[in-house]
Amino acid sequence: MNEFTLKERFEKVLKGESVDKVPVCSVTQTGIVELMEMTGAYWPEANYDAEKMAALALAGHEIAGFENVRCPFCTTVLAETFGCIVDEGTVDIQPFVRDFPIQKKADVKDFAIPADFLESRRTAAVLDAVEIMTKKAGEDVPVIAGLVGPAGLASMLAGMKNYLMWFVSKPEVVEDLLAVLMEACIEYANVLLERGADAVVLIDSEAGPDIIAPRMFETSVYPLYRKFCNRVEGLKIIHMCGDATAVLGTLAESGFEGISIEEKVGVSFAKEIVGSRARLIGNVSPSDTLLTRGPDIVAMEARACLEDGIDILAPGCGLAPHTPLENIKAFVRARDEYYLK
């Protein structure tokens, strides 16, 4: 008999408390084609319909075995709501931005968050899905909701080229945009928690050192992360793709309970940097391992993460749609077997 429920274990870990074993979760996207086929909840509909979104998300726990439920499955929810033109994708391609509303620096002054953005097609679907997931998962399973952070949104709304150029030539323009977007992120995150999410994951890879210099992150983004953590009333996780090692120390000071890292970050070294200030989540590769290798290699890499001291065992980023279900089950099973040795 387990000492804790899945939710209790998840929450205790994020709060830095002792547990009987490391949770095995996914704080990033969990939709794979095999689960779509088993539930009848296919992309692109499952990205836009709350019932199908919830059904596919629940399958990540009920069928695949992750010890949580997580939605949505794409990064375009707020981007489309704020004016990006989005292609809805296909059964194995996530929605993606095709065009963006901020074409020149002067457009930033005219940009405003719609007053009713929480009632848009995209945000309403996610909020309704979170409520459905919470009811169907019950009191013992943690529900996690993801949202793209201000840097990721700025790069989509202005285009990556403008985002990078302006950060160098006119950083104040980007900072003005980031500030407006962060206010929306805070409001959205709090409503996600009110609707039943147990934790929110801020996905903001475009703030990482693979995209902007650590100095830019510290001066332009870090203060906004502090604001987010101070004003969002629940458990908070930051996910940053790429090698985030150079900013881990600063991230640990931001106030996030968890930091989700890709496989490019060494877990042991990251633990030395972060210490007890935040918990580390990750970091088996979703593309090099979970998608393309067999269950034995998946299990081996999962055990390595556990041996290195990971706090929550998870994929290092969102799952590829064609990730084999058997690999996810092997991933979860590896955690169970680790505690039997």
Protein backbone atom coordinates (compact mmCIF):
# COMPACT_ATOMS: atom_id res chain seq x y z
CA MET A 1 0.00 0.00 0.00
CA ASN A 2 1.37 3.43 -0.97
CA GLU A 3 2.12 5.85 1.80
CA PHE A 4 0.83 8.80 -0.22
CA THR A 5 -1.73 9.42 -2.92
CA LEU A 6 -0.30 10.52 -6.28
CA LYS A 7 -1.36 14.09 -5.60
CA GLU A 8 0.09 14.12 -2.09
CA ARG A 9 3.41 12.75 -3.33
CA PHE A 10 3.56 15.26 -6.20
CA GLU A 11 2.75 18.22 -3.98
CA LYS A 12 5.09 17.17 -1.18
CA VAL A 13 8.00 16.81 -3.60
CA LEU A 14 7.42 20.28 -5.04
CA LYS A 15 7.31 21.69 -1.52
CA GLY A 16 10.63 20.01 -0.68
CA GLU A 17 9.15 17.46 1.71
CA SER A 18 10.17 13.81 2.03
CA VAL A 19 8.26 11.12 0.13
CA ASP A 20 8.43 7.37 -0.27
CA LYS A 21 9.47 7.48 -3.94
CA VAL A 22 10.04 9.89 -6.81
CA PRO A 23 6.87 10.67 -8.78
CA VAL A 24 6.89 9.78 -12.48
CA CYS A 25 4.98 12.41 -14.40
CA SER A 26 4.90 14.51 -17.52
CA VAL A 27 4.66 18.26 -17.00
CA THR A 28 4.81 18.79 -20.77
CA GLN A 29 2.55 17.57 -23.59
CA THR A 30 1.37 13.95 -23.39
CA GLY A 31 -0.73 13.45 -26.54
CA ILE A 32 0.44 10.52 -28.69
CA VAL A 33 -1.26 8.90 -31.67
CA GLU A 34 -1.74 5.53 -29.95
CA LEU A 35 -3.69 7.20 -27.15
CA MET A 36 -5.73 9.14 -29.73
CA GLU A 37 -6.67 5.86 -31.39
CA MET A 38 -7.63 4.27 -28.07
CA THR A 39 -9.77 7.21 -26.92
CA GLY A 40 -11.15 8.54 -30.21
CA ALA A 41 -9.82 11.97 -29.19
CA TYR A 42 -7.64 12.99 -32.13
CA TRP A 43 -5.71 16.12 -32.97
CA PRO A 44 -6.52 18.69 -34.18
CA GLU A 45 -9.98 18.40 -32.58
CA ALA A 46 -8.48 17.54 -29.17
CA ASN A 47 -6.67 20.88 -29.20
CA TYR A 48 -9.92 22.81 -29.60
CA ASP A 49 -12.66 20.71 -27.97
CA ALA A 50 -12.66 20.56 -24.16
CA GLU A 51 -14.19 17.07 -23.88
CA LYS A 52 -11.70 15.54 -26.32
CA MET A 53 -8.81 17.43 -24.76
CA ALA A 54 -9.74 16.06 -21.35
CA ALA A 55 -10.21 12.51 -22.68
CA LEU A 56 -6.78 12.45 -24.33
CA ALA A 57 -5.12 14.02 -21.29
CA LEU A 58 -6.72 11.51 -18.92
CA ALA A 59 -5.42 8.67 -21.11
CA GLY A 60 -1.89 9.78 -20.31
CA HIS A 61 -2.60 8.71 -16.74
CA GLU A 62 -5.18 5.96 -17.08
CA ILE A 63 -3.53 4.11 -19.98
CA ALA A 64 0.09 5.27 -20.24
CA GLY A 65 0.63 5.39 -16.49
CA PHE A 66 1.88 8.90 -15.81
CA GLU A 67 1.06 9.87 -12.24
CA ASN A 68 -0.66 13.06 -13.31
CA VAL A 69 -3.00 14.47 -15.94
CA ARG A 70 -1.81 17.34 -18.12
CA CYS A 71 -3.17 19.66 -20.80
CA PRO A 72 -3.08 21.32 -23.32
CA PHE A 73 -1.06 19.64 -26.08
CA CYS A 74 0.24 22.68 -27.97
CA THR A 75 1.83 26.07 -27.39
CA THR A 76 -0.49 28.25 -29.49
CA VAL A 77 -3.41 28.80 -27.09
CA LEU A 78 -2.52 32.33 -25.98
CA ALA A 79 -0.69 33.18 -29.21
CA GLU A 80 -3.84 32.62 -31.28
CA THR A 81 -5.98 34.37 -28.67
CA PHE A 82 -3.72 37.43 -28.89
CA GLY A 83 -3.76 37.70 -32.68
CA CYS A 84 -1.46 35.14 -34.29
CA ILE A 85 -2.75 33.27 -37.32
CA VAL A 86 -2.48 29.58 -36.48
CA ASP A 87 -2.58 26.47 -38.63
CA GLU A 88 -4.60 23.85 -36.72
CA GLY A 89 -2.19 21.05 -37.64
CA THR A 90 -3.10 17.40 -38.18
CA VAL A 91 -3.39 14.17 -36.23
CA ASP A 92 0.39 14.12 -35.71
CA ILE A 93 1.34 17.78 -36.15
CA GLN A 94 0.64 20.31 -33.40
CA PRO A 95 -0.92 23.69 -34.24
CA PHE A 96 1.69 26.23 -35.29
CA VAL A 97 1.91 29.98 -35.94
CA ARG A 98 1.73 31.00 -39.59
CA ASP A 99 1.66 34.79 -39.22
CA PHE A 100 1.97 37.29 -36.43
CA PRO A 101 0.36 40.67 -35.64
CA ILE A 102 3.40 42.69 -34.46
CA GLN A 103 5.40 43.42 -37.62
CA LYS A 104 7.33 46.50 -36.50
CA LYS A 105 8.43 48.12 -33.26
CA ALA A 106 5.67 50.75 -33.41
CA ASP A 107 3.07 47.97 -33.27
CA VAL A 108 4.08 47.17 -29.69
CA LYS A 109 2.59 50.46 -28.46
CA ASP A 110 -0.75 49.57 -30.02
CA PHE A 111 -0.78 45.99 -28.78
CA ALA A 112 -3.24 45.22 -26.01
CA ILE A 113 -4.54 42.04 -24.43
CA PRO A 114 -8.24 41.53 -25.26
CA ALA A 115 -10.34 42.20 -22.18
CA ASP A 116 -12.28 38.99 -22.74
CA PHE A 117 -9.31 36.76 -23.59
CA LEU A 118 -10.30 34.17 -21.00
CA GLU A 119 -13.50 33.64 -22.98
CA SER A 120 -11.79 33.02 -26.31
CA ARG A 121 -12.23 29.73 -28.15
CA ARG A 122 -8.76 28.53 -27.16
CA THR A 123 -8.55 29.57 -23.51
CA ALA A 124 -12.15 28.55 -22.80
CA ALA A 125 -11.45 25.06 -24.17
CA VAL A 126 -8.44 24.63 -21.89
CA LEU A 127 -10.23 25.99 -18.83
CA ASP A 128 -13.22 23.71 -19.44
CA ALA A 129 -10.89 20.75 -20.04
CA VAL A 130 -9.11 21.39 -16.74
CA GLU A 131 -12.44 21.36 -14.94
CA ILE A 132 -13.47 18.11 -16.63
CA MET A 133 -10.10 16.50 -15.91
CA THR A 134 -10.27 17.51 -12.26
CA LYS A 135 -13.69 15.92 -11.81
CA LYS A 136 -12.84 12.71 -13.68
CA ALA A 137 -9.35 12.23 -12.24
CA GLY A 138 -10.64 12.52 -8.70
CA GLU A 139 -8.99 13.88 -5.59
CA ASP A 140 -5.91 11.65 -5.69
CA VAL A 141 -4.39 12.52 -9.09
CA PRO A 142 -2.61 15.84 -9.73
CA VAL A 143 -3.82 17.95 -12.63
CA ILE A 144 -1.23 20.12 -14.39
CA ALA A 145 -2.01 22.93 -16.82
CA GLY A 146 0.55 24.47 -19.15
CA LEU A 147 0.82 27.97 -20.59
CA VAL A 148 3.45 29.69 -22.68
CA GLY A 149 5.38 32.42 -20.89
CA PRO A 150 6.05 36.02 -21.95
CA ALA A 151 9.22 35.36 -23.93
CA GLY A 152 7.67 32.52 -25.88
CA LEU A 153 4.58 34.61 -26.60
CA ALA A 154 6.65 37.64 -27.62
CA SER A 155 8.61 35.55 -30.12
CA MET A 156 5.37 34.28 -31.66
CA LEU A 157 3.55 37.61 -31.68
CA ALA A 158 6.48 39.56 -33.17
CA GLY A 159 8.21 36.73 -35.02
CA MET A 160 11.48 35.23 -33.86
CA LYS A 161 13.59 37.49 -36.09
CA ASN A 162 12.10 40.68 -34.66
CA TYR A 163 12.23 39.28 -31.14
CA LEU A 164 15.96 38.62 -31.37
CA MET A 165 16.84 41.81 -33.26
CA TRP A 166 14.89 44.05 -30.91
CA PHE A 167 16.37 42.41 -27.82
CA VAL A 168 19.76 43.65 -29.05
CA SER A 169 18.87 46.97 -30.71
CA LYS A 170 15.80 48.10 -28.71
CA PRO A 171 15.51 45.99 -25.57
CA GLU A 172 13.01 48.42 -24.06
CA VAL A 173 10.54 47.53 -26.84
CA VAL A 174 10.74 43.84 -26.00
CA GLU A 175 10.58 44.58 -22.28
CA ASP A 176 7.37 46.59 -22.76
CA LEU A 177 5.83 43.68 -24.66
CA LEU A 178 7.01 41.13 -22.09
CA ALA A 179 5.49 43.15 -19.26
CA VAL A 180 2.06 43.26 -20.91
CA LEU A 181 2.19 39.56 -21.71
CA MET A 182 3.22 38.61 -18.19
CA GLU A 183 0.16 40.31 -16.75
CA ALA A 184 -1.99 38.12 -19.00
CA CYS A 185 -0.01 35.01 -18.00
CA ILE A 186 -0.59 35.75 -14.33
CA GLU A 187 -4.31 36.20 -14.82
CA TYR A 188 -4.62 33.05 -16.93
CA ALA A 189 -2.54 30.95 -14.52
CA ASN A 190 -4.65 31.94 -11.55
CA VAL A 191 -7.85 31.05 -13.37
CA LEU A 192 -6.39 27.67 -14.40
CA LEU A 193 -5.75 27.02 -10.70
CA GLU A 194 -9.22 28.22 -9.75
CA ARG A 195 -10.75 25.80 -12.26
CA GLY A 196 -8.99 22.86 -10.62
CA ALA A 197 -5.35 22.62 -11.71
CA ASP A 198 -2.99 21.61 -8.92
CA ALA A 199 0.02 23.21 -10.62
CA VAL A 200 0.79 25.38 -13.62
CA VAL A 201 3.78 25.01 -15.93
CA LEU A 202 5.15 28.16 -17.54
CA ILE A 203 6.82 27.15 -20.82
CA ASP A 204 9.31 29.83 -21.80
CA SER A 205 12.22 28.38 -23.74
CA GLU A 206 12.73 31.62 -25.69
CA ALA A 207 14.03 33.17 -22.46
CA GLY A 208 16.74 30.53 -22.17
CA PRO A 209 20.46 30.83 -22.93
CA ASP A 210 20.06 28.95 -26.22
CA ILE A 211 18.08 31.99 -27.45
CA ILE A 212 19.14 35.08 -25.47
CA ALA A 213 22.21 35.86 -23.39
CA PRO A 214 21.98 35.09 -19.65
CA ARG A 215 22.58 38.78 -18.95
CA MET A 216 19.47 39.68 -20.97
CA PHE A 217 17.52 37.04 -19.11
CA GLU A 218 18.58 38.41 -15.74
CA THR A 219 17.74 42.03 -16.54
CA SER A 220 14.61 41.62 -18.70
CA VAL A 221 12.94 38.31 -17.78
CA TYR A 222 13.94 37.37 -14.25
CA PRO A 223 12.03 40.28 -12.63
CA LEU A 224 8.90 39.17 -14.47
CA TYR A 225 9.32 35.60 -13.25
CA ARG A 226 9.55 36.93 -9.69
CA LYS A 227 6.31 38.81 -10.26
CA PHE A 228 4.64 35.69 -11.67
CA CYS A 229 5.68 33.57 -8.69
CA ASN A 230 4.63 36.22 -6.19
CA ARG A 231 1.16 36.67 -7.69
CA VAL A 232 0.18 33.20 -8.87
CA GLU A 233 -1.54 31.43 -6.00
CA GLY A 234 -0.51 27.80 -6.41
CA LEU A 235 2.33 25.47 -7.31
CA LYS A 236 4.44 26.75 -10.19
CA ILE A 237 6.88 25.01 -12.53
CA ILE A 238 9.08 26.58 -15.20
CA HIS A 239 9.98 24.57 -18.29
CA MET A 240 12.89 25.72 -20.44
CA CYS A 241 14.07 23.77 -23.48
CA GLY A 242 17.73 23.56 -24.44
CA ASP A 243 20.73 23.85 -22.14
CA ALA A 244 19.46 26.08 -19.35
CA THR A 245 22.49 25.48 -17.13
CA ALA A 246 23.71 29.09 -17.35
CA VAL A 247 20.48 30.45 -15.83
CA LEU A 248 19.60 27.67 -13.39
CA GLY A 249 20.88 29.61 -10.43
CA THR A 250 18.74 32.61 -11.33
CA LEU A 251 15.72 30.41 -12.06
CA ALA A 252 16.09 28.85 -8.63
CA GLU A 253 15.77 32.32 -7.10
CA SER A 254 12.60 33.15 -9.06
CA GLY A 255 10.19 31.35 -6.77
CA PHE A 256 9.17 28.38 -8.93
CA GLU A 257 8.77 25.22 -6.91
CA GLY A 258 9.92 23.10 -9.86
CA ILE A 259 12.30 23.52 -12.80
CA SER A 260 11.71 21.22 -15.79
CA ILE A 261 14.93 20.55 -17.70
CA GLU A 262 15.86 18.93 -21.00
CA GLU A 263 18.44 16.17 -21.36
CA LYS A 264 21.07 18.76 -22.32
CA VAL A 265 21.26 19.69 -18.64
CA GLY A 266 23.22 17.33 -16.41
CA VAL A 267 21.04 16.39 -13.45
CA SER A 268 23.87 15.99 -10.91
CA PHE A 269 25.44 19.32 -11.84
CA ALA A 270 22.04 21.02 -11.88
CA LYS A 271 21.36 19.72 -8.39
CA GLU A 272 24.58 21.34 -7.20
CA ILE A 273 23.52 24.68 -8.68
CA VAL A 274 19.90 24.67 -7.56
CA GLY A 275 20.34 23.06 -4.16
CA SER A 276 17.18 23.12 -2.06
CA ARG A 277 15.75 26.23 -3.68
CA ALA A 278 13.68 24.30 -6.27
CA ARG A 279 13.01 20.75 -7.37
CA LEU A 280 14.30 19.37 -10.67
CA ILE A 281 11.97 17.66 -13.14
CA GLY A 282 13.07 15.60 -16.14
CA ASN A 283 14.97 14.67 -18.14
CA VAL A 284 14.87 11.63 -20.44
CA SER A 285 14.97 12.77 -24.07
CA PRO A 286 11.56 12.62 -25.78
CA SER A 287 13.12 12.53 -29.26
CA ASP A 288 16.40 10.63 -28.92
CA THR A 289 15.11 8.07 -26.43
CA LEU A 290 11.36 7.84 -25.88
CA LEU A 291 10.53 8.21 -29.57
CA THR A 292 13.28 6.21 -31.24
CA ARG A 293 14.79 3.71 -28.79
CA GLY A 294 13.43 0.52 -27.26
CA PRO A 295 12.00 -0.05 -23.77
CA ASP A 296 15.33 -1.32 -22.39
CA ILE A 297 17.16 1.89 -23.31
CA VAL A 298 14.25 3.96 -22.00
CA ALA A 299 14.43 2.13 -18.68
CA MET A 300 18.20 2.52 -18.50
CA GLU A 301 18.07 6.28 -18.99
CA ALA A 302 15.19 6.63 -16.54
CA ARG A 303 17.23 4.79 -13.90
CA ALA A 304 20.19 7.08 -14.60
CA CYS A 305 18.02 10.12 -13.88
CA LEU A 306 16.88 8.59 -10.60
CA GLU A 307 20.43 7.73 -9.60
CA ASP A 308 21.52 11.30 -10.36
CA GLY A 309 18.91 12.61 -7.94
CA ILE A 310 16.05 13.88 -10.10
CA ASP A 311 13.10 14.98 -7.94
CA ILE A 312 10.32 14.16 -10.42
CA LEU A 313 11.08 11.70 -13.21
CA ALA A 314 9.66 13.04 -16.48
CA PRO A 315 10.34 13.41 -20.19
CA GLY A 316 12.71 16.30 -20.84
CA CYS A 317 10.13 17.99 -23.07
CA GLY A 318 6.80 17.28 -24.77
CA LEU A 319 6.28 13.82 -26.25
CA ALA A 320 6.49 13.36 -30.01
CA PRO A 321 3.11 12.21 -31.37
CA HIS A 322 4.49 8.88 -32.60
CA THR A 323 6.16 7.97 -29.31
CA PRO A 324 5.40 4.27 -28.71
CA LEU A 325 3.02 3.64 -25.83
CA GLU A 326 5.19 0.72 -24.73
CA ASN A 327 8.08 3.12 -24.19
CA ILE A 328 6.02 5.31 -21.89
CA LYS A 329 4.95 2.25 -19.91
CA ALA A 330 8.59 1.14 -19.71
CA PHE A 331 9.50 4.61 -18.47
CA VAL A 332 6.95 4.39 -15.65
CA ARG A 333 7.87 0.78 -14.88
CA ALA A 334 11.54 1.74 -14.53
CA ARG A 335 10.68 3.99 -11.59
CA ASP A 336 8.74 1.14 -9.93
CA GLU A 337 11.60 -1.31 -10.45
CA TYR A 338 14.13 1.18 -9.14
CA TYR A 339 12.50 1.04 -5.70
CA LEU A 340 12.43 -2.77 -5.67
CA LYS A 341 16.18 -3.19 -5.89
